[in-house]
């Protein structure tokens, strides 16, 4: 089978790797990167399931994990967690080992299967009526002293500080209501840690739409049928913005339901059914509607994916801070 993958980011690279054992002829296309690291957004953080998914590709996850955390400071609360930072750039390079990424405009005629792995661009699938895109800004800093991993909520978004090593951190902020740059600056985090050096900085965006609002996942295109995967079909947690593990998991679902578009759609909706109530919470916040106990239960339940233990009262208080 002759396959074209459009998008050589995390999801496209993972799919390319898993297809190598299936006797297909795979071509992968992408745009020239506009950032120093070649990633937009660079997304250094991830959560439970990452190790197992990387292992499934035949790679050793310990080669890519930079820091592991058993806690996170969330709005000043020290909560147990199962989080990590990883070298996304190196992992993508290893997943693409042996590939020749084509940066020219793709001619998709003659392929048996075209896969849209273009992330937030959703370049080949139909546009979405209820699309929800979070603008973000991010920095990689070298610091004089270590900084804690932390998250600050607000303006229907959040800011993060994720250590990459004892002297290097990734700072960022995304907001649906405000320019994330001034929001991050107002936290004064970039003045912590003693002397700091900006190693790189970029702007990006994240799709918080959720799969239920990102259909169709398979559609007719100019060159035939197009199948979507990862962020292109909304596989990003609307509240946490975590798309690494969901994107890789969507690749596995695509391979399982390779010749069954309806089965693939049902499988994605079932796998990520927990994202639908998260999107509902975001919509309530956007419309300035009152939040209730059921909304707090959504955060309480879904935070377990990251190994976090959040009580109902804590969850309700945290959601209020998102406004």
Foldseek 3Di string as FASTA:
>chain_A
DEEEEEDLALLSLLLLLVCVVVPYHYAYEYAQAPWPLSDFVQDFKAFPPPQVLLVVSVDHQVVWWQDWAQWEQEVNDTWGFTMTGTRRSVSSCVSCVPHDYHNDPDDLAPGPAYEYAHAPPLPWDDDFPQWDKWKKKKFKKFAQAADGWYWYAAQLWIWTWADRHGGIIMTMITHPGDDRPVVSVVVVPVVPRHDMDTPTMDMHMHILCAQVRQDDQWDAGPNGIYGYAFNSRPQAQNRPRHGNSSRSVLSVLCVVCVPPSVSSSVVRCVVRVLSVLSVVLSVCVVVVHDDDLVNLVSCQVVSCRGVTHADSVRSNVSSVRND
